[in-house]
Amino acid sequence: MTERILIGVAWPYANNRLHLGHVAGAYLPPDIFARYHRTRGDEVLMVSGSDQHGTPVTIRAEAEGKTPAEVAGYFHDKFVENWAALGITFDLYTTTGTPNHTAVVQDIFLTLLEKGYLYKETVSQPYCASCKRFLPDRYVEGVCPSCKTPGARGDQCDACGKPMNPADLIGACCKLCGTAPEFRETEHFFLRLSAFEQPLLEWVKEQQDHWRLNVQRFTRRYLEEGLHDRAITRDITWGIPVPLPGYDDKRIYVWFEAVIGYLSASKEWAQRSGDPEAWRRFWQEDCKSYYFIGKDNIPFHTIIWPAMLMGYGGLNLPYDVPSNEFLTIEAQKLSKSRNIAIWLDDFLSRYQPDALRYMLSANMPDTSDTDFSWREFVRRNNDELVATYGNLVNRVLSMLQKHFEGRVPEHGGLDERSLEIIGKTGATLQTMDELLYGCKFKEAIKTAMALAAEANRYLDEKSPWKSVKTDKPAAADALYTALTVISGLRTAFYPFLPFSSEKLHGFLGYDSTIQADGWKLRRPVPGSALNPPEALFIKLDETVVEEETARLGLM
């Protein structure tokens, strides 16, 4: 039975290049999930976009003497190029700078205000006397009062993930000039988050058993500690205007606005598709909505966004929030300032996208932080992609070109061993179906590679390169069996390795698409024409390790 699946993907700030931590944490997992569900026959909508209004954008713009729009536009274009190069298949990748997004955000603002979930209050906010302006949260830095880590921002501590207010920071200072801010009174709108504490706690406890443990624990801890109302406007001029007279110098703050992008992007997709009401299928009808994010964004997607949805009414709450942990680089925490980062565009300029997708899938930080090392990347590429999977495909298809006129061989009654591995191929797809459905991507790709290794052992047992000279029917049986397994691997690896899977699909001479074939084993038809194979993957020289670690300054 088919399902309807909404996939919301974290919105990256359009202020810097994408790095491998972004990909492993929030962007590769949803693409794997979307490709799997589309192949399964489900109706999928995957949306995201560039967050143009975050203070990271304005900070960079001021540092470079540019407008925020110039900075955001430049990086948005780069993101779109990166997604295409990596094979990330959004149904719509947009921005928070569209008139549509503004309209949807302002509608939610006014509806929550009308229902009493927003209220005005005069509060004390950090003001930099040197810069002569109120400071948005990210313009204030200091020591986290909870974990005592320096460099915590006024909105959140990245080290412990705790949401923050600027006044909470120890030794707070202005990020731009270093001056200690003073606090002045200003009027702002607040979200009555405290009103949703009990409904959210009941929702999490009763319905979210399928959430990952880290997401459950993180969410329950904050709920049990008690929710506090949060300001949703700031004294800034870059962002979504407050849709009320008298607030020209204030904007709706990004933490409230950005999560609404999932809804606004869905509406934009519907408009572009020619059916403006199509978004309702994913938001108001039977549909499971998944939000793929890094662990630093958990409270915004399991507490704040659900509260906003509850308050607005009539929209589906999240079904799952499969948050990933962090990716370290060569056993060190990612640090842009110390150049401990691997930029996605740099990586893709030198290596195959499927090699990266494989490494990050097999080493995904789904339940704990994991490490990316160049030595492990080269090993997995050469030993697993090239020597195990790629070699299996190449030697089977090459033998069929050489000895069977480039066609699927006719076969007789297959022996027990051959039937066993064909059966195991179908069972592998079934096992992966269960794993992928539960967002267990690392386990799923290991299951696929285990089948490739088993197929190599089968081929070594049968040795068709020997039997083709003395018993051609036996060789035909072995090669037909191996080809059947390869056809299954084409499907099994497709969510993870789309470029090589599509190439293999062409080698097998299939005239449909992998998605159209569905999540099941397609057995080759004897006599069908095959196409000459090429190498699916490129073997890497061991010198790559030294070259790349030198780029990181770690030699």
Protein backbone atom coordinates (compact mmCIF):
# COMPACT_ATOMS: atom_id res chain seq x y z
CA MET A 1 0.00 0.00 0.00
CA THR A 2 1.44 3.35 -1.02
CA GLU A 3 1.88 6.25 1.38
CA ARG A 4 2.20 10.01 1.21
CA ILE A 5 5.49 11.33 2.59
CA LEU A 6 6.50 14.94 3.28
CA ILE A 7 10.24 15.44 3.73
CA GLY A 8 11.33 18.75 5.23
CA VAL A 9 15.06 19.39 5.05
CA ALA A 10 16.92 21.90 7.25
CA TRP A 11 17.34 25.34 5.66
CA PRO A 12 21.04 26.29 5.48
CA TYR A 13 22.05 29.88 6.19
CA ALA A 14 23.10 31.48 2.91
CA ASN A 15 26.29 32.92 4.37
CA ASN A 16 28.98 30.34 3.65
CA ARG A 17 29.87 27.28 1.59
CA LEU A 18 28.52 23.84 2.41
CA HIS A 19 30.85 21.36 4.10
CA LEU A 20 30.73 17.61 4.68
CA GLY A 21 29.26 18.11 8.15
CA HIS A 22 26.20 19.70 6.54
CA VAL A 23 25.86 16.82 4.07
CA ALA A 24 26.22 14.03 6.63
CA GLY A 25 24.03 15.76 9.18
CA ALA A 26 21.02 16.94 7.22
CA TYR A 27 21.16 16.68 3.42
CA LEU A 28 22.24 13.21 2.31
CA PRO A 29 19.86 11.29 4.67
CA PRO A 30 16.65 12.88 3.30
CA ASP A 31 17.72 12.27 -0.29
CA ILE A 32 18.32 8.59 0.46
CA PHE A 33 14.91 8.49 2.12
CA ALA A 34 13.16 10.29 -0.76
CA ARG A 35 14.73 8.08 -3.46
CA TYR A 36 13.75 4.97 -1.53
CA HIS A 37 10.14 6.07 -1.08
CA ARG A 38 9.79 7.15 -4.71
CA THR A 39 11.10 3.74 -5.81
CA ARG A 40 8.67 2.13 -3.41
CA GLY A 41 5.86 3.92 -5.26
CA ASP A 42 5.01 6.43 -2.54
CA GLU A 43 3.97 10.03 -3.19
CA VAL A 44 6.87 12.16 -1.98
CA LEU A 45 7.35 15.90 -1.54
CA MET A 46 10.85 16.97 -0.45
CA VAL A 47 11.32 20.69 0.15
CA SER A 48 13.88 23.07 1.56
CA GLY A 49 15.59 26.32 0.70
CA SER A 50 18.26 28.84 1.59
CA ASP A 51 17.71 30.80 4.78
CA GLN A 52 18.41 34.34 3.63
CA HIS A 53 17.34 36.21 6.76
CA GLY A 54 19.51 34.77 9.48
CA THR A 55 21.93 37.07 11.26
CA PRO A 56 24.87 35.00 9.94
CA VAL A 57 23.99 36.53 6.57
CA THR A 58 23.98 40.11 7.85
CA ILE A 59 27.20 39.57 9.80
CA ARG A 60 29.00 38.42 6.66
CA ALA A 61 27.44 41.18 4.57
CA GLU A 62 28.67 43.85 6.97
CA ALA A 63 32.13 42.33 7.08
CA GLU A 64 32.37 42.35 3.26
CA GLY A 65 30.66 45.67 2.66
CA LYS A 66 27.81 44.05 0.73
CA THR A 67 24.06 43.94 1.13
CA PRO A 68 22.53 40.88 2.79
CA ALA A 69 20.65 40.19 -0.46
CA GLU A 70 23.92 40.05 -2.41
CA VAL A 71 25.51 37.62 0.04
CA ALA A 72 22.40 35.43 0.27
CA GLY A 73 21.89 35.35 -3.50
CA TYR A 74 25.50 34.35 -4.15
CA PHE A 75 25.46 31.43 -1.72
CA HIS A 76 21.99 30.29 -2.75
CA ASP A 77 23.25 29.85 -6.32
CA LYS A 78 26.22 27.88 -4.99
CA PHE A 79 23.94 25.64 -2.95
CA VAL A 80 21.81 24.85 -6.01
CA GLU A 81 24.96 23.88 -7.96
CA ASN A 82 26.14 21.68 -5.07
CA TRP A 83 22.81 19.86 -4.76
CA ALA A 84 22.83 19.02 -8.47
CA ALA A 85 26.44 17.82 -8.36
CA LEU A 86 25.78 15.62 -5.31
CA GLY A 87 22.48 14.29 -6.67
CA ILE A 88 20.17 15.78 -4.02
CA THR A 89 16.67 15.59 -5.50
CA PHE A 90 14.53 18.31 -3.98
CA ASP A 91 11.05 18.69 -5.42
CA LEU A 92 11.58 22.35 -4.62
CA TYR A 93 14.60 24.16 -3.27
CA THR A 94 13.67 27.80 -2.77
CA THR A 95 14.56 30.71 -0.45
CA THR A 96 13.04 32.64 2.42
CA GLY A 97 13.20 35.74 0.22
CA THR A 98 10.12 35.00 -1.90
CA PRO A 99 6.82 36.96 -1.70
CA ASN A 100 5.11 33.59 -1.12
CA HIS A 101 7.21 32.91 1.98
CA THR A 102 6.50 36.39 3.33
CA ALA A 103 2.75 35.88 2.86
CA VAL A 104 2.72 32.48 4.61
CA VAL A 105 4.81 33.72 7.54
CA GLN A 106 2.65 36.79 8.01
CA ASP A 107 -0.51 34.66 7.86
CA ILE A 108 0.76 32.43 10.66
CA PHE A 109 1.83 35.48 12.66
CA LEU A 110 -1.60 37.12 12.39
CA THR A 111 -3.48 33.88 13.10
CA LEU A 112 -1.47 33.16 16.25
CA LEU A 113 -1.93 36.77 17.32
CA GLU A 114 -5.69 36.56 16.81
CA LYS A 115 -5.86 33.32 18.83
CA GLY A 116 -3.95 34.85 21.71
CA TYR A 117 -0.73 32.89 21.25
CA LEU A 118 1.29 36.04 20.51
CA TYR A 119 1.47 39.04 22.81
CA LYS A 120 3.43 42.27 23.14
CA GLU A 121 5.80 42.99 25.97
CA THR A 122 8.45 45.59 26.73
CA VAL A 123 11.72 43.83 27.41
CA SER A 124 15.34 44.58 28.01
CA GLN A 125 17.51 43.82 24.98
CA PRO A 126 21.27 44.08 24.40
CA TYR A 127 22.29 47.40 22.88
CA CYS A 128 25.79 48.22 21.65
CA ALA A 129 26.58 51.86 22.44
CA SER A 130 29.60 51.67 20.13
CA CYS A 131 27.64 50.33 17.12
CA LYS A 132 24.59 52.40 18.15
CA ARG A 133 22.01 49.65 17.68
CA PHE A 134 20.18 46.80 19.32
CA LEU A 135 21.99 43.52 18.85
CA PRO A 136 20.24 40.43 17.46
CA ASP A 137 21.01 37.30 19.46
CA ARG A 138 23.79 36.08 17.18
CA TYR A 139 25.55 39.42 17.49
CA VAL A 140 26.14 38.64 21.17
CA GLU A 141 28.70 36.08 22.31
CA GLY A 142 29.91 34.87 25.70
CA VAL A 143 30.39 31.87 27.96
CA CYS A 144 27.50 29.39 28.18
CA PRO A 145 26.10 29.42 31.73
CA SER A 146 25.13 25.75 31.40
CA CYS A 147 28.25 24.00 30.07
CA LYS A 148 30.72 26.89 30.54
CA THR A 149 31.89 26.73 26.91
CA PRO A 150 33.14 30.05 25.49
CA GLY A 151 31.84 31.32 22.16
CA ALA A 152 28.19 30.55 22.92
CA ARG A 153 25.75 32.72 20.97
CA GLY A 154 22.88 34.75 22.30
CA ASP A 155 20.35 32.34 20.79
CA GLN A 156 21.95 28.95 21.43
CA CYS A 157 25.05 27.19 22.70
CA ASP A 158 26.37 24.89 19.98
CA ALA A 159 28.38 22.87 22.50
CA CYS A 160 25.43 21.66 24.59
CA GLY A 161 22.53 22.62 22.29
CA LYS A 162 20.73 24.64 24.97
CA PRO A 163 18.57 27.54 23.69
CA MET A 164 19.91 30.79 25.07
CA ASN A 165 19.02 34.42 25.75
CA PRO A 166 21.74 37.10 25.49
CA ALA A 167 21.24 38.08 29.13
CA ASP A 168 22.10 34.52 30.19
CA LEU A 169 25.63 34.63 28.75
CA ILE A 170 28.60 35.14 31.03
CA GLY A 171 30.91 37.94 29.88
CA ALA A 172 28.68 38.87 26.95
CA CYS A 173 30.11 41.12 24.24
CA CYS A 174 29.20 42.49 20.80
CA LYS A 175 30.43 40.14 18.09
CA LEU A 176 31.34 43.04 15.79
CA CYS A 177 33.27 45.37 18.07
CA GLY A 178 33.80 43.45 21.32
CA THR A 179 32.02 46.01 23.48
CA ALA A 180 30.04 44.73 26.44
CA PRO A 181 26.40 45.46 25.59
CA GLU A 182 24.10 47.45 27.81
CA PHE A 183 20.45 46.49 28.09
CA ARG A 184 17.70 48.88 27.01
CA GLU A 185 13.95 48.55 26.90
CA THR A 186 12.17 47.81 23.61
CA GLU A 187 8.78 46.34 22.70
CA HIS A 188 8.52 42.95 21.02
CA PHE A 189 6.05 40.19 20.21
CA PHE A 190 6.34 36.92 22.12
CA LEU A 191 5.18 33.40 21.31
CA ARG A 192 3.23 32.00 24.26
CA LEU A 193 5.26 28.79 24.17
CA SER A 194 4.37 27.99 27.79
CA ALA A 195 0.75 27.40 26.73
CA PHE A 196 1.84 24.32 24.76
CA GLU A 197 3.98 22.67 27.43
CA GLN A 198 1.45 20.03 28.49
CA PRO A 199 0.03 19.29 24.99
CA LEU A 200 3.57 18.86 23.67
CA LEU A 201 4.60 16.60 26.55
CA GLU A 202 1.57 14.37 26.00
CA TRP A 203 2.19 14.30 22.24
CA VAL A 204 5.82 13.30 22.65
CA LYS A 205 5.17 10.66 25.33
CA GLU A 206 2.19 9.02 23.66
CA GLN A 207 2.99 9.12 19.96
CA GLN A 208 6.71 9.34 19.31
CA ASP A 209 8.08 5.91 20.22
CA HIS A 210 9.64 5.67 16.77
CA TRP A 211 11.83 8.73 17.35
CA ARG A 212 15.53 8.17 17.82
CA LEU A 213 16.50 8.00 21.49
CA ASN A 214 18.62 11.14 21.36
CA VAL A 215 15.67 13.11 19.93
CA GLN A 216 13.27 11.74 22.54
CA ARG A 217 15.59 12.44 25.45
CA PHE A 218 16.58 15.89 24.24
CA THR A 219 12.95 16.89 23.72
CA ARG A 220 11.57 15.47 26.95
CA ARG A 221 14.33 17.09 29.00
CA TYR A 222 13.43 20.55 27.75
CA LEU A 223 9.73 19.96 28.17
CA GLU A 224 10.15 18.66 31.71
CA GLU A 225 12.36 21.62 32.61
CA GLY A 226 9.46 23.89 31.60
CA LEU A 227 8.91 26.01 28.49
CA HIS A 228 9.34 29.76 28.51
CA ASP A 229 7.76 32.27 26.14
CA ARG A 230 10.16 33.55 23.48
CA ALA A 231 10.38 36.83 21.60
CA ILE A 232 9.70 36.40 17.89
CA THR A 233 10.57 39.92 16.67
CA ARG A 234 13.84 41.86 16.70
CA ASP A 235 15.03 45.42 16.11
CA ILE A 236 16.48 44.77 12.67
CA THR A 237 15.63 45.79 9.11
CA TRP A 238 16.52 42.57 7.24
CA GLY A 239 13.82 39.93 7.29
CA ILE A 240 10.05 39.49 7.11
CA PRO A 241 8.18 42.70 8.08
CA VAL A 242 5.76 42.60 11.01
CA PRO A 243 2.32 42.80 9.29
CA LEU A 244 1.03 45.54 11.59
CA PRO A 245 1.31 49.34 11.44
CA GLY A 246 3.91 51.01 13.63
CA TYR A 247 6.59 48.31 13.46
CA ASP A 248 8.61 49.41 10.45
CA ASP A 249 11.93 49.07 12.29
CA LYS A 250 11.24 45.52 13.47
CA ARG A 251 11.25 42.17 11.71
CA ILE A 252 9.96 38.68 12.47
CA TYR A 253 12.93 36.84 13.87
CA VAL A 254 14.51 34.04 11.90
CA TRP A 255 14.03 31.21 14.41
CA PHE A 256 10.25 31.71 14.17
CA GLU A 257 10.21 32.39 10.45
CA ALA A 258 12.55 29.74 9.03
CA VAL A 259 10.58 26.66 10.17
CA ILE A 260 7.52 28.08 8.41
CA GLY A 261 9.55 27.58 5.22
CA TYR A 262 8.48 23.93 5.11
CA LEU A 263 4.89 25.06 4.67
CA SER A 264 5.62 28.01 2.38
CA ALA A 265 7.85 25.86 0.15
CA SER A 266 5.08 23.26 -0.10
CA LYS A 267 2.66 25.99 -1.19
CA GLU A 268 5.17 27.36 -3.70
CA TRP A 269 5.68 23.85 -5.11
CA ALA A 270 1.91 23.49 -5.49
CA GLN A 271 1.65 26.80 -7.32
CA ARG A 272 4.49 25.85 -9.65
CA SER A 273 2.94 22.44 -10.33
CA GLY A 274 -0.22 24.06 -11.66
CA ASP A 275 -2.40 22.89 -8.77
CA PRO A 276 -2.28 25.58 -6.04
CA GLU A 277 -4.18 23.34 -3.61
CA ALA A 278 -1.86 20.32 -3.98
CA TRP A 279 0.03 21.24 -0.79
CA ARG A 280 -3.02 20.27 1.25
CA ARG A 281 -2.42 16.57 0.48
CA PHE A 282 0.78 16.76 2.52
CA TRP A 283 -0.38 19.07 5.30
CA GLN A 284 -4.07 18.41 5.88
CA GLU A 285 -4.64 14.87 4.65
CA ASP A 286 -3.16 11.48 5.58
CA CYS A 287 0.59 12.00 5.33
CA LYS A 288 3.71 11.27 7.37
CA SER A 289 5.99 14.29 7.68
CA TYR A 290 9.70 13.81 8.36
CA TYR A 291 12.12 16.59 9.27
CA PHE A 292 15.81 15.92 8.62
CA ILE A 293 18.09 18.14 10.69
CA GLY A 294 21.30 18.22 12.71
CA LYS A 295 21.08 17.71 16.46
CA ASP A 296 21.56 21.43 17.15
CA ASN A 297 18.12 22.03 15.62
CA ILE A 298 16.14 19.43 17.59
CA PRO A 299 14.18 21.81 19.89
CA PHE A 300 13.07 23.97 16.97
CA HIS A 301 11.50 20.94 15.25
CA THR A 302 10.17 18.92 18.19
CA ILE A 303 9.00 21.80 20.40
CA ILE A 304 8.72 25.20 18.71
CA TRP A 305 7.44 24.20 15.26
CA PRO A 306 4.89 21.69 16.65
CA ALA A 307 3.70 24.39 19.08
CA MET A 308 3.23 26.83 16.20
CA LEU A 309 1.34 24.17 14.23
CA MET A 310 -0.87 23.36 17.22
CA GLY A 311 -1.63 27.03 17.69
CA TYR A 312 -2.39 27.66 14.04
CA GLY A 313 -4.57 24.54 13.76
CA GLY A 314 -5.53 22.25 10.91
CA LEU A 315 -2.00 21.22 9.90
CA ASN A 316 -0.19 17.91 10.40
CA LEU A 317 2.34 17.65 13.22
CA PRO A 318 5.75 16.06 12.55
CA TYR A 319 5.70 12.27 12.36
CA ASP A 320 9.44 11.89 12.82
CA VAL A 321 12.50 14.08 13.29
CA PRO A 322 15.45 11.81 12.37
CA SER A 323 18.16 14.11 13.66
CA ASN A 324 21.79 13.15 13.06
CA GLU A 325 24.75 13.76 15.36
CA PHE A 326 27.92 15.60 14.30
CA LEU A 327 30.69 14.63 11.89
CA THR A 328 34.26 15.24 13.01
CA ILE A 329 37.16 15.61 10.58
CA GLU A 330 40.29 13.56 11.24
CA ALA A 331 39.15 13.13 14.87
CA GLN A 332 38.86 16.90 15.33
CA LYS A 333 35.76 19.02 15.78
CA LEU A 334 34.86 20.89 12.64
CA SER A 335 36.21 24.45 12.81
CA LYS A 336 35.95 26.93 9.97
CA SER A 337 38.30 29.37 11.70
CA ARG A 338 41.03 26.70 11.96
CA ASN A 339 40.25 25.37 8.47
CA ILE A 340 39.18 22.01 9.91
CA ALA A 341 36.48 21.59 7.29
CA ILE A 342 36.11 19.84 3.97
CA TRP A 343 34.10 22.03 1.62
CA LEU A 344 31.62 20.20 -0.57
CA ASP A 345 32.46 22.04 -3.80
CA ASP A 346 36.18 21.36 -3.30
CA PHE A 347 35.50 17.68 -2.70
CA LEU A 348 33.29 17.26 -5.74
CA SER A 349 35.86 18.96 -7.95
CA ARG A 350 38.25 16.06 -7.28
CA TYR A 351 36.19 12.97 -6.46
CA GLN A 352 33.08 11.12 -7.59
CA PRO A 353 29.85 12.11 -5.86
CA ASP A 354 28.87 8.48 -5.26
CA ALA A 355 32.19 7.89 -3.48
CA LEU A 356 31.27 10.63 -1.02
CA ARG A 357 27.68 9.45 -0.69
CA TYR A 358 28.95 5.94 0.07
CA MET A 359 31.46 7.04 2.68
CA LEU A 360 28.98 9.27 4.49
CA SER A 361 26.23 6.63 4.32
CA ALA A 362 28.39 3.80 5.63
CA ASN A 363 29.77 6.12 8.32
CA MET A 364 26.62 8.13 9.03
CA PRO A 365 26.39 9.90 12.43
CA ASP A 366 22.85 8.67 13.00
CA THR A 367 23.12 7.67 16.66
CA SER A 368 26.50 9.12 17.67
CA ASP A 369 29.19 11.43 16.35
CA THR A 370 31.35 9.80 13.68
CA ASP A 371 34.65 10.74 12.08
CA PHE A 372 35.64 11.38 8.48
CA SER A 373 39.25 10.51 7.72
CA TRP A 374 40.88 10.57 4.32
CA ARG A 375 42.54 7.22 4.97
CA GLU A 376 39.17 5.61 5.64
CA PHE A 377 37.68 7.32 2.58
CA VAL A 378 40.38 5.89 0.32
CA ARG A 379 40.05 2.44 1.93
CA ARG A 380 36.28 2.29 1.53
CA ASN A 381 36.48 3.60 -2.03
CA ASN A 382 39.14 1.11 -3.12
CA ASP A 383 38.22 -1.98 -1.08
CA GLU A 384 34.42 -1.74 -1.10
CA LEU A 385 33.26 0.32 -4.07
CA VAL A 386 36.00 -0.63 -6.53
CA ALA A 387 37.17 -4.10 -5.44
CA THR A 388 33.90 -5.52 -4.13
CA TYR A 389 30.94 -3.94 -5.93
CA GLY A 390 32.55 -2.44 -9.03
CA ASN A 391 34.67 -5.49 -9.73
CA LEU A 392 31.66 -7.79 -9.45
CA VAL A 393 29.76 -5.77 -12.05
CA ASN A 394 32.71 -5.41 -14.40
CA ARG A 395 33.80 -9.03 -14.52
CA VAL A 396 30.28 -10.41 -14.99
CA LEU A 397 29.30 -7.96 -17.73
CA SER A 398 32.71 -8.24 -19.43
CA MET A 399 32.44 -12.04 -19.58
CA LEU A 400 28.94 -11.79 -21.04
CA GLN A 401 30.21 -9.42 -23.72
CA LYS A 402 33.10 -11.73 -24.54
CA HIS A 403 31.48 -15.17 -24.38
CA PHE A 404 27.72 -14.62 -24.79
CA GLU A 405 27.53 -11.97 -27.49
CA GLY A 406 26.63 -9.26 -25.00
CA ARG A 407 23.29 -10.84 -24.09
CA VAL A 408 21.64 -12.24 -20.99
CA PRO A 409 22.52 -15.94 -21.17
CA GLU A 410 19.95 -18.71 -21.41
CA HIS A 411 20.07 -20.89 -18.33
CA GLY A 412 19.03 -24.37 -17.39
CA GLY A 413 17.82 -25.63 -14.04
CA LEU A 414 19.74 -23.54 -11.50
CA ASP A 415 21.36 -25.49 -8.68
CA GLU A 416 20.62 -25.03 -5.01
CA ARG A 417 23.49 -22.57 -4.43
CA SER A 418 22.37 -20.38 -7.32
CA LEU A 419 18.75 -20.35 -6.18
CA GLU A 420 19.95 -19.59 -2.66
CA ILE A 421 21.77 -16.39 -3.62
CA ILE A 422 18.94 -15.24 -5.87
CA GLY A 423 16.61 -15.75 -2.93
CA LYS A 424 19.02 -13.85 -0.72
CA THR A 425 18.89 -10.93 -3.16
CA GLY A 426 15.13 -10.67 -2.76
CA ALA A 427 15.49 -11.04 1.00
CA THR A 428 18.12 -8.28 1.06
CA LEU A 429 15.74 -5.88 -0.65
CA GLN A 430 13.05 -6.81 1.87
CA THR A 431 15.41 -6.27 4.81
CA MET A 432 16.57 -2.95 3.38
CA ASP A 433 12.95 -1.95 2.87
CA GLU A 434 12.39 -2.30 6.62
CA LEU A 435 15.63 -0.52 7.52
CA LEU A 436 15.13 2.38 5.14
CA TYR A 437 11.51 2.79 6.22
CA GLY A 438 12.81 3.22 9.76
CA CYS A 439 15.54 5.69 8.67
CA LYS A 440 18.32 3.20 9.51
CA PHE A 441 20.52 4.17 6.59
CA LYS A 442 23.87 2.94 7.84
CA GLU A 443 22.52 -0.56 8.47
CA ALA A 444 20.80 -0.59 5.09
CA ILE A 445 23.87 0.20 3.00
CA LYS A 446 25.94 -2.34 4.93
CA THR A 447 23.29 -4.93 4.07
CA ALA A 448 23.63 -4.08 0.37
CA MET A 449 27.42 -4.28 0.41
CA ALA A 450 27.26 -7.62 2.24
CA LEU A 451 25.23 -9.00 -0.68
CA ALA A 452 27.84 -7.74 -3.15
CA ALA A 453 30.54 -9.52 -1.16
CA GLU A 454 28.43 -12.70 -1.11
CA ALA A 455 27.99 -12.50 -4.89
CA ASN A 456 31.76 -12.31 -5.33
CA ARG A 457 32.19 -15.42 -3.21
CA TYR A 458 29.55 -17.18 -5.29
CA LEU A 459 31.36 -16.23 -8.48
CA ASP A 460 34.67 -17.48 -7.12
CA GLU A 461 33.00 -20.79 -6.23
CA LYS A 462 31.53 -21.24 -9.70
CA SER A 463 34.57 -19.85 -11.60
CA PRO A 464 32.70 -19.27 -14.89
CA TRP A 465 35.93 -17.99 -16.49
CA LYS A 466 37.10 -21.62 -16.26
CA SER A 467 33.86 -23.47 -16.97
CA VAL A 468 33.12 -21.35 -20.05
CA LYS A 469 35.90 -23.30 -21.80
CA THR A 470 34.70 -26.77 -20.79
CA ASP A 471 31.03 -26.49 -19.75
CA LYS A 472 29.44 -23.39 -21.26
CA PRO A 473 25.91 -24.13 -19.91
CA ALA A 474 27.34 -24.20 -16.36
CA ALA A 475 29.05 -20.86 -17.00
CA ALA A 476 25.79 -19.49 -18.38
CA ASP A 477 23.95 -20.55 -15.21
CA ALA A 478 26.55 -18.92 -12.96
CA LEU A 479 26.65 -15.69 -14.94
CA TYR A 480 22.86 -15.48 -15.17
CA THR A 481 22.68 -15.90 -11.40
CA ALA A 482 25.34 -13.24 -10.78
CA LEU A 483 23.61 -10.91 -13.24
CA THR A 484 20.36 -11.33 -11.33
CA VAL A 485 22.10 -10.36 -8.10
CA ILE A 486 23.63 -7.33 -9.84
CA SER A 487 20.18 -6.29 -11.01
CA GLY A 488 19.05 -6.40 -7.38
CA LEU A 489 22.09 -4.44 -6.25
CA ARG A 490 21.24 -1.75 -8.79
CA THR A 491 18.02 -1.17 -6.87
CA ALA A 492 19.51 -1.69 -3.40
CA PHE A 493 22.24 0.88 -3.95
CA TYR A 494 20.10 3.37 -5.88
CA PRO A 495 19.06 5.56 -2.89
CA PHE A 496 22.70 5.80 -1.84
CA LEU A 497 24.62 5.70 -5.14
CA PRO A 498 22.30 7.15 -7.79
CA PHE A 499 24.92 8.01 -10.42
CA SER A 500 26.53 4.55 -10.57
CA SER A 501 23.13 2.87 -10.25
CA GLU A 502 21.80 4.75 -13.26
CA LYS A 503 24.94 3.86 -15.19
CA LEU A 504 24.53 0.18 -14.26
CA HIS A 505 20.87 0.38 -15.24
CA GLY A 506 22.07 1.39 -18.71
CA PHE A 507 24.63 -1.44 -18.86
CA LEU A 508 21.81 -3.91 -18.18
CA GLY A 509 19.90 -2.59 -21.18
CA TYR A 510 16.74 -1.78 -19.25
CA ASP A 511 14.41 0.63 -21.03
CA SER A 512 12.44 1.84 -18.01
CA THR A 513 13.79 3.68 -14.95
CA ILE A 514 14.97 2.30 -11.64
CA GLN A 515 12.10 4.01 -9.84
CA ALA A 516 9.58 2.64 -12.31
CA ASP A 517 10.89 -0.89 -11.68
CA GLY A 518 9.92 -0.51 -8.02
CA TRP A 519 11.53 -1.76 -4.83
CA LYS A 520 11.75 -5.39 -5.93
CA LEU A 521 14.06 -7.72 -7.75
CA ARG A 522 13.91 -7.43 -11.52
CA ARG A 523 15.24 -10.60 -13.11
CA PRO A 524 17.04 -10.20 -16.44
CA VAL A 525 15.29 -11.75 -19.46
CA PRO A 526 17.44 -14.33 -21.28
CA GLY A 527 18.39 -13.16 -24.74
CA SER A 528 18.07 -9.45 -23.88
CA ALA A 529 20.88 -7.21 -25.10
CA LEU A 530 23.38 -5.80 -22.65
CA ASN A 531 25.56 -2.75 -23.17
CA PRO A 532 29.36 -2.78 -22.87
CA PRO A 533 30.39 -1.91 -19.30
CA GLU A 534 32.71 0.80 -18.06
CA ALA A 535 34.25 1.15 -14.61
CA LEU A 536 31.63 2.32 -12.12
CA PHE A 537 34.19 3.72 -9.69
CA ILE A 538 37.68 5.19 -9.85
CA LYS A 539 40.45 3.67 -7.76
CA LEU A 540 42.30 6.25 -5.68
CA ASP A 541 46.03 6.41 -5.08
CA GLU A 542 47.19 6.24 -1.47
CA THR A 543 48.89 9.63 -1.95
CA VAL A 544 45.41 11.18 -1.69
CA VAL A 545 45.61 10.73 2.09
CA GLU A 546 48.78 12.80 2.42
CA GLU A 547 47.63 15.44 -0.06
CA GLU A 548 44.27 16.00 1.57
CA THR A 549 45.45 16.02 5.18
CA ALA A 550 48.06 18.57 4.12
CA ARG A 551 45.24 20.76 2.79
CA LEU A 552 43.74 20.63 6.27
CA GLY A 553 47.07 21.63 7.78
CA LEU A 554 47.26 18.41 9.79
CA MET A 555 50.54 17.01 8.46
